[in-house]
Protein backbone atom coordinates (compact mmCIF):
# COMPACT_ATOMS: atom_id res chain seq x y z
CA MET A 1 48.34 13.82 30.86
CA THR A 2 50.29 16.70 30.18
CA PRO A 3 50.36 18.88 33.78
CA LEU A 4 48.34 22.36 33.17
CA LEU A 5 51.29 24.87 32.59
CA PRO A 6 51.07 27.68 35.54
CA VAL A 7 49.71 31.06 34.24
CA ASP A 8 53.21 33.31 34.99
CA GLU A 9 55.24 30.50 32.70
CA ALA A 10 51.87 30.92 30.30
CA ARG A 11 52.37 34.61 30.08
CA ALA A 12 56.63 34.32 29.47
CA ARG A 13 55.89 31.64 26.57
CA ILE A 14 53.95 33.51 24.96
CA LEU A 15 55.98 37.06 25.00
CA SER A 16 58.68 35.57 24.48
CA GLY A 17 57.93 35.38 20.48
CA ALA A 18 56.53 39.25 20.45
CA LYS A 19 58.57 41.93 19.46
CA ALA A 20 57.29 45.32 18.24
CA VAL A 21 55.91 46.20 15.44
CA GLU A 22 58.51 48.00 13.17
CA ASP A 23 56.11 48.91 10.01
CA THR A 24 55.33 52.73 10.44
CA GLU A 25 52.87 55.15 8.67
CA THR A 26 52.27 58.54 8.20
CA VAL A 27 49.00 60.21 9.56
CA PRO A 28 47.46 63.44 9.71
CA LEU A 29 47.88 65.33 13.66
CA GLU A 30 44.39 65.15 14.59
CA ARG A 31 44.74 60.84 14.33
CA ALA A 32 47.87 60.65 16.27
CA ALA A 33 46.23 60.69 19.22
CA GLY A 34 47.28 57.15 21.76
CA ARG A 35 49.79 56.52 19.13
CA ILE A 36 53.52 56.00 19.17
CA LEU A 37 56.12 57.92 17.17
CA ALA A 38 58.41 56.24 15.15
CA THR A 39 61.07 58.95 14.84
CA ASP A 40 62.16 61.95 16.42
CA ILE A 41 60.49 64.97 15.61
CA VAL A 42 62.01 68.03 15.47
CA ALA A 43 60.70 71.71 15.31
CA ARG A 44 60.36 73.68 12.11
CA ARG A 45 60.39 76.81 13.79
CA SER A 46 61.60 78.35 16.90
CA GLN A 47 58.54 78.98 19.62
CA PRO A 48 57.80 81.56 19.78
CA PRO A 49 58.86 82.61 16.83
CA PHE A 50 59.41 86.66 17.87
CA SER A 51 59.57 87.97 21.34
CA ALA A 52 56.32 88.49 22.10
CA SER A 53 53.75 89.93 25.12
CA ALA A 54 52.57 88.27 27.71
CA MET A 55 49.57 90.14 28.86
CA ASP A 56 47.48 92.77 27.92
CA GLY A 57 49.50 95.95 28.55
CA TYR A 58 51.60 98.99 27.18
CA ALA A 59 55.43 97.81 25.17
CA VAL A 60 58.18 100.44 26.45
CA ARG A 61 61.51 101.00 27.50
CA ALA A 62 62.66 99.65 30.51
CA GLN A 63 65.27 102.38 31.25
CA ASP A 64 61.76 104.90 30.70
CA VAL A 65 60.22 103.18 33.62
CA GLN A 66 63.33 103.09 36.14
CA SER A 67 62.10 106.44 37.68
CA THR A 68 58.29 106.35 37.94
CA PRO A 69 55.50 108.36 37.77
CA VAL A 70 56.17 108.78 34.26
CA GLU A 71 54.54 110.00 31.60
CA LEU A 72 54.86 108.42 28.03
CA ALA A 73 53.58 109.25 24.54
CA VAL A 74 51.43 105.85 22.85
CA ILE A 75 52.18 106.32 19.35
CA GLY A 76 50.93 102.97 17.93
CA GLU A 77 49.18 99.69 18.21
CA ALA A 78 49.99 96.00 18.39
CA PRO A 79 47.33 93.59 18.43
CA ALA A 80 48.07 89.81 18.30
CA GLY A 81 48.55 88.64 14.61
CA HIS A 82 49.67 92.72 13.63
CA GLN A 83 53.04 93.80 14.33
CA PHE A 84 53.86 98.17 14.88
CA ASN A 85 56.31 98.89 11.95
CA GLY A 86 57.69 100.96 13.75
CA THR A 87 60.41 101.09 16.46
CA VAL A 88 59.68 102.52 20.07
CA GLY A 89 62.02 105.72 20.98
CA ALA A 90 62.79 107.71 24.35
CA GLY A 91 59.01 108.73 26.38
CA GLN A 92 57.26 106.18 24.15
CA ALA A 93 55.00 103.14 24.40
CA ILE A 94 52.37 100.82 22.14
CA ARG A 95 49.73 100.00 23.08
CA ILE A 96 49.72 95.89 22.61
CA PHE A 97 47.91 92.91 23.43
CA THR A 98 48.57 89.22 24.43
CA GLY A 99 50.54 86.96 22.02
CA ALA A 100 51.86 90.10 19.88
CA PRO A 101 54.70 90.80 18.85
CA VAL A 102 57.14 93.15 21.21
CA PRO A 103 58.06 96.47 18.38
CA ASP A 104 61.28 97.05 17.65
CA GLY A 105 63.12 99.41 20.80
CA ALA A 106 60.90 98.27 23.49
CA ASP A 107 61.82 95.15 26.12
CA THR A 108 59.39 95.56 28.85
CA ILE A 109 55.44 95.40 28.91
CA VAL A 110 53.55 97.42 31.43
CA ILE A 111 50.24 95.68 32.35
CA GLN A 112 47.13 97.60 31.27
CA GLU A 113 46.45 97.50 35.53
CA ASP A 114 49.22 99.59 36.39
CA VAL A 115 48.61 102.16 33.71
CA GLU A 116 46.44 105.78 34.10
CA ARG A 117 45.51 106.96 30.69
CA ARG A 118 45.71 110.76 29.93
CA GLY A 119 43.65 111.21 26.89
CA ASP A 120 44.12 108.88 23.81
CA LEU A 121 47.58 110.04 23.45
CA HIS A 122 49.65 109.86 26.90
CA ILE A 123 49.57 107.32 29.69
CA ARG A 124 50.77 107.55 33.26
CA VAL A 125 53.22 104.86 34.70
CA ASP A 126 53.41 105.19 38.55
CA LYS A 127 55.57 101.93 39.35
CA THR A 128 58.98 100.66 38.56
CA VAL A 129 58.61 98.05 36.07
CA PRO A 130 61.61 95.64 35.72
CA HIS A 131 63.65 95.07 33.00
CA GLY A 132 62.04 92.42 30.11
CA THR A 133 58.58 92.14 32.51
CA TYR A 134 56.10 89.88 30.95
CA VAL A 135 58.14 89.52 27.92
CA ARG A 136 58.16 86.05 26.29
CA PRO A 137 60.84 86.34 24.54
CA LEU A 138 62.02 83.94 20.96
CA GLY A 139 62.08 80.20 21.34
CA LEU A 140 61.34 80.71 25.34
CA ASP A 141 59.74 77.37 24.31
CA PHE A 142 61.47 75.52 22.05
CA ALA A 143 63.73 76.94 19.21
CA GLU A 144 63.66 76.01 15.67
CA GLY A 145 66.19 72.55 14.77
CA ASP A 146 65.34 71.92 18.77
CA ARG A 147 64.22 67.82 18.99
CA VAL A 148 61.64 68.16 21.22
CA LEU A 149 60.13 64.55 20.27
CA ALA A 150 61.57 61.35 20.54
CA ALA A 151 61.31 58.51 18.82
CA GLY A 152 58.88 55.99 20.98
CA ASP A 153 57.04 58.51 22.35
CA ARG A 154 53.14 57.87 22.99
CA LEU A 155 51.21 60.76 21.84
CA ASP A 156 49.46 62.24 24.33
CA ALA A 157 47.22 65.97 24.58
CA GLY A 158 50.50 67.45 25.61
CA ARG A 159 52.81 65.67 23.09
CA ILE A 160 49.95 66.43 20.44
CA THR A 161 49.90 69.85 21.05
CA VAL A 162 53.31 70.61 21.42
CA ALA A 163 53.96 68.83 17.97
CA ALA A 164 51.58 71.47 16.70
CA ALA A 165 52.94 74.29 17.76
CA MET A 166 55.95 72.73 15.33
CA ASN A 167 53.97 73.30 12.41
CA GLN A 168 54.09 69.41 12.04
CA PRO A 169 50.38 68.97 10.40
CA GLU A 170 51.45 64.74 10.41
CA LEU A 171 53.44 62.71 12.04
CA THR A 172 55.17 58.80 11.37
CA VAL A 173 54.05 56.84 13.73
CA ARG A 174 54.54 53.17 14.36
CA ARG A 175 51.80 50.33 12.91
CA LEU A 176 49.13 49.65 14.97
CA PRO A 177 49.52 46.21 15.98
CA HIS A 178 46.84 44.07 13.98
CA VAL A 179 44.50 41.61 15.57
CA ALA A 180 42.04 39.36 13.53
CA LEU A 181 39.24 38.50 15.85
CA LEU A 182 37.54 35.61 14.64
CA ALA A 183 34.77 33.52 16.55
CA THR A 184 33.16 29.62 16.04
CA GLY A 185 30.20 27.84 17.18
CA ASP A 186 26.91 26.88 15.51
CA GLU A 187 25.26 27.88 19.17
CA LEU A 188 26.02 31.67 17.95
CA VAL A 189 24.05 34.55 16.95
CA LEU A 190 25.14 38.21 16.94
CA PRO A 191 23.16 40.23 18.67
CA GLY A 192 19.76 41.29 16.79
CA GLY A 193 19.72 38.35 15.09
CA GLU A 194 16.44 35.39 15.79
CA PRO A 195 18.25 32.83 17.49
CA GLN A 196 16.93 29.47 17.65
CA PRO A 197 16.15 27.79 20.80
CA ASP A 198 19.50 25.63 21.26
CA GLN A 199 21.42 28.95 20.41
CA ILE A 200 22.75 31.62 22.25
CA ILE A 201 24.16 35.72 21.90
CA ALA A 202 27.26 35.96 20.73
CA SER A 203 28.91 38.47 23.24
CA ASN A 204 32.89 37.59 23.26
CA SER A 205 34.17 38.95 20.69
CA PHE A 206 32.34 42.73 21.69
CA GLY A 207 34.02 42.50 25.19
CA VAL A 208 37.72 41.15 23.48
CA ARG A 209 37.41 43.75 20.93
CA ALA A 210 37.11 46.73 23.51
CA ILE A 211 39.98 44.95 25.59
CA ALA A 212 42.30 44.85 21.83
CA GLU A 213 41.74 48.05 21.24
CA ALA A 214 41.90 50.04 24.70
CA ALA A 215 45.17 48.10 24.23
CA GLY A 216 46.16 50.07 21.16
CA ALA A 217 45.40 47.23 18.57
CA SER A 218 42.78 47.68 15.37
CA VAL A 219 40.87 44.83 14.65
CA THR A 220 39.14 43.03 12.02
CA ASP A 221 36.24 40.90 12.77
CA LEU A 222 36.21 37.75 11.24
CA GLY A 223 32.74 37.03 12.23
CA ILE A 224 31.22 33.42 13.19
CA ALA A 225 32.73 30.46 11.62
CA ALA A 226 30.30 27.18 11.66
CA ASP A 227 31.27 24.57 13.41
CA ARG A 228 33.30 22.77 9.45
CA HIS A 229 36.56 22.73 9.38
CA ASP A 230 36.26 24.54 5.47
CA ALA A 231 34.58 27.70 7.57
CA ILE A 232 37.20 27.88 9.99
CA GLU A 233 39.72 27.33 7.51
CA ALA A 234 38.66 30.26 5.58
CA ALA A 235 38.26 31.96 8.35
CA ILE A 236 42.06 31.58 9.08
CA GLU A 237 43.25 32.53 5.53
CA ARG A 238 41.47 35.74 5.88
CA ALA A 239 43.02 36.60 9.02
CA VAL A 240 46.92 35.20 7.06
CA SER A 241 45.71 37.49 3.96
CA ALA A 242 45.24 40.65 6.15
CA GLY A 243 48.31 40.56 7.43
CA ALA A 244 47.48 40.67 11.49
CA ASP A 245 49.53 40.13 13.62
CA VAL A 246 47.59 38.20 16.45
CA LEU A 247 44.82 35.89 15.75
CA ILE A 248 41.98 35.28 18.38
CA THR A 249 39.46 32.60 17.65
CA LEU A 250 36.56 32.11 20.38
CA GLY A 251 36.18 28.93 21.74
CA GLY A 252 36.51 25.45 19.62
CA ALA A 253 40.66 25.07 21.12
CA SER A 254 40.40 22.63 23.01
CA VAL A 255 40.04 18.75 21.69
CA GLY A 256 36.64 17.00 22.10
CA ASP A 257 34.97 15.56 18.81
CA HIS A 258 32.91 19.45 17.94
CA ASP A 259 36.42 21.64 19.09
CA LEU A 260 37.82 22.36 15.29
CA VAL A 261 39.87 24.93 15.69
CA GLN A 262 43.40 23.46 17.03
CA ALA A 263 43.20 21.07 14.36
CA ALA A 264 42.41 23.73 11.69
CA LEU A 265 45.15 25.80 12.60
CA THR A 266 47.26 22.97 13.20
CA ALA A 267 46.95 21.52 9.37
CA ARG A 268 47.28 25.55 8.36
CA GLY A 269 51.33 24.86 9.74
CA MET A 270 50.54 26.63 13.30
CA THR A 271 53.26 25.30 16.06
CA LEU A 272 51.15 24.54 18.91
CA ASP A 273 53.02 25.56 22.36
CA PHE A 274 50.46 25.04 24.82
CA TRP A 275 46.62 24.74 25.18
CA ARG A 276 46.30 24.19 28.75
CA ILE A 277 46.33 26.58 31.87
CA ALA A 278 46.23 25.82 35.54
CA MET A 279 44.38 29.09 36.29
CA ARG A 280 39.86 29.48 36.79
CA PRO A 281 38.84 30.53 34.86
CA GLY A 282 40.48 29.84 31.12
CA LYS A 283 41.65 26.97 31.71
CA PRO A 284 41.22 25.69 28.15
CA LEU A 285 43.48 28.39 26.83
CA MET A 286 45.47 27.97 23.49
CA TYR A 287 49.00 29.56 22.41
CA GLY A 288 50.76 29.03 18.84
CA ARG A 289 52.73 30.19 16.38
CA LEU A 290 51.36 30.19 12.33
CA ASP A 291 54.87 31.83 11.02
CA ASN A 292 54.74 35.44 12.52
CA LEU A 293 50.99 35.11 13.33
CA HIS A 294 50.40 34.81 16.81
CA VAL A 295 47.70 32.44 17.54
CA LEU A 296 45.70 33.14 20.32
CA GLY A 297 43.02 30.97 21.44
CA LEU A 298 40.55 31.89 24.14
CA PRO A 299 37.84 29.95 25.70
CA GLY A 300 34.31 29.59 24.91
CA ASN A 301 32.67 30.85 27.98
CA PRO A 302 32.20 35.04 28.00
CA VAL A 303 34.07 35.59 31.29
CA SER A 304 37.11 33.02 30.42
CA SER A 305 37.56 35.14 27.33
CA LEU A 306 38.17 38.10 28.91
CA VAL A 307 39.97 37.33 31.98
CA CYS A 308 42.42 35.68 29.44
CA SER A 309 42.23 38.89 27.49
CA HIS A 310 43.16 40.88 30.23
CA LEU A 311 46.41 38.61 31.18
CA PHE A 312 47.57 37.47 27.98
CA LEU A 313 46.40 39.65 25.08
CA ARG A 314 47.23 43.05 26.64
CA PRO A 315 50.57 42.24 27.40
CA LEU A 316 51.12 40.76 24.68
CA LEU A 317 49.24 44.21 21.99
CA ALA A 318 52.02 46.03 24.29
CA ALA A 319 54.93 43.83 23.62
CA LEU A 320 54.26 44.18 19.83
CA SER A 321 53.46 48.29 20.32
CA GLY A 322 57.08 48.22 22.01
CA GLU A 323 56.16 49.40 25.33
CA PRO A 324 56.35 47.79 28.67
CA ALA A 325 53.10 46.23 29.66
CA ALA A 326 51.40 48.08 32.81
CA ASP A 327 51.13 46.54 36.27
CA PRO A 328 47.66 46.21 36.80
CA ILE A 329 48.48 44.25 39.80
CA HIS A 330 47.74 45.52 43.01
CA PRO A 331 47.84 44.89 47.33
CA ALA A 332 44.34 45.15 48.88
CA VAL A 333 42.40 43.10 52.14
CA LEU A 334 39.59 40.91 51.61
CA GLY A 335 36.41 41.65 52.34
CA LYS A 336 34.94 38.63 53.34
CA ALA A 337 36.49 34.74 53.97
CA VAL A 338 37.18 32.71 51.02
CA GLY A 339 37.93 29.19 50.75
CA ALA A 340 40.98 26.44 50.25
CA ASN A 341 42.37 26.70 46.61
CA ASP A 342 43.26 23.74 44.51
CA GLN A 343 46.02 23.54 41.97
CA ARG A 344 44.50 26.40 39.41
CA GLN A 345 45.21 29.86 40.34
CA ASP A 346 42.08 31.46 40.74
CA TYR A 347 41.01 35.04 39.71
CA LEU A 348 38.17 36.08 41.42
CA ARG A 349 35.56 38.49 40.76
CA ALA A 350 35.20 41.59 43.20
CA ARG A 351 34.05 44.66 43.76
CA LEU A 352 36.33 47.21 45.36
CA GLU A 353 36.30 50.12 47.81
CA ARG A 354 38.82 52.28 48.92
CA ARG A 355 39.03 53.19 52.87
CA ALA A 356 39.95 56.20 54.28
CA ASP A 357 43.20 55.48 55.34
CA GLY A 358 43.35 54.23 51.46
CA THR A 359 43.58 50.68 51.89
CA LEU A 360 41.81 48.72 49.26
CA VAL A 361 39.05 46.24 49.66
CA ALA A 362 37.65 43.37 47.90
CA HIS A 363 34.65 41.95 47.80
CA PRO A 364 34.35 38.76 46.23
CA PHE A 365 30.73 37.78 44.52
CA ASP A 366 29.54 34.82 45.94
CA LYS A 367 28.89 33.06 42.60
CA GLN A 368 31.74 33.24 40.06
CA ASP A 369 30.64 30.56 37.11
CA SER A 370 32.44 31.24 34.11
CA SER A 371 29.58 32.10 32.44
CA MET A 372 27.98 34.92 33.84
CA THR A 373 28.95 38.02 32.12
CA ARG A 374 26.66 40.22 34.66
CA VAL A 375 28.67 39.58 37.79
CA PHE A 376 31.84 40.41 35.65
CA ALA A 377 30.19 43.20 34.64
CA GLU A 378 29.75 44.72 38.11
CA SER A 379 33.45 43.76 39.09
CA ASP A 380 36.21 46.48 39.35
CA GLY A 381 39.24 43.92 40.09
CA LEU A 382 40.04 39.81 40.15
CA VAL A 383 40.65 39.00 43.59
CA ILE A 384 44.11 36.32 43.05
CA ARG A 385 44.17 33.39 44.78
CA GLU A 386 47.39 31.43 44.25
CA PRO A 387 47.45 27.28 43.83
CA PHE A 388 46.68 25.25 46.85
CA ALA A 389 46.22 28.96 49.19
CA GLU A 390 44.87 28.08 52.71
CA PRO A 391 41.36 29.64 53.22
CA ALA A 392 41.67 33.44 54.14
CA GLN A 393 39.11 35.41 56.61
CA SER A 394 38.53 39.19 56.12
CA GLY A 395 41.16 41.39 56.83
CA ASP A 396 43.88 39.00 55.45
CA SER A 397 46.36 40.25 52.90
CA CYS A 398 45.70 39.54 48.76
CA ARG A 399 46.52 40.49 45.83
CA VAL A 400 43.95 42.38 43.03
CA PHE A 401 44.13 42.53 39.26
CA LEU A 402 42.26 45.99 38.39
CA LEU A 403 39.72 45.78 35.74
CA ARG A 404 39.26 49.60 35.77
CA ASP A 405 41.43 52.31 36.60
CA GLU A 406 39.92 53.41 40.25
CA THR A 407 37.24 53.10 42.16
């Protein structure tokens, strides 16, 4: 029998053929969050596009407020969006508001708190104000023609905001990796259906889809295929026709009498790379290529499929997106003793806590059966137990794969 493949080697094989998606699309700015820029973005105008007041107050000539106290004549007003069209001369001031263009002749803003009004047409300034105070000069943020964003940048809130300020209503981004998701098995019924006594509710596809979408993929759900060659073959064709980058199958990837997925894919032309991993849960993991389509056959047990999605699907989607995969493995200590391990790498579901000194403590659950979705839902991370690891005690060091960002 072929030896079980180590986890790290399996991941390396999957990633070795993963190239970033090169197709692009143009999307409206409001739909660009989380996407990756395909081109550099150049400012279409300067920001601010004129010298602007940073505060409510009065626009003056600096030379008029160097010897104080001084009284100035108020000759007009400049609200935001309305430029004063005249020129500020000696001994004059303009009532101005935040964001309004600084009028010609003025070069300094005296804030309203530092001004004493003398009727409607005069102000008194008692404090000296340095030249340029509270004036945002033209192009302070960026100038027209500046390259502000670069191809490969992921569009977060700050980058989308600056794109909008550059007067960019739409952006050219990389196409999202496309995942086709196929569950198989006569025993499966969708949530809300009416299962027979010998059937179960299909749950895997919902969790796997959530992981894929969180990793930046678009997902097409191909539904549940019956345990028949023709049904599985038809679903495979739909994935190919849809131009999917990744086909994920759930269940049926082993080689038993009722495990038809691997046979159907091989008949369609898939080159099988491997299908058994030295890990728990998730041993019957399959990977192959059907031309440019990555095929990831996940185990049928819900927890196995979720663990494998975190370990293998997430880094694959990162590679297809052209980004380095985040490292979710952190040092921790055990909060309880665990036994010795066999030849498979274990991923023990655990609750995590952060001590006052910053130490991450992992408390593995007593029950680790791969069908127990409730335990997985209550887990914050997975304690990694290397093959043939010796028994470990509470307080011993360990490594934890984080399922959530922080505890």
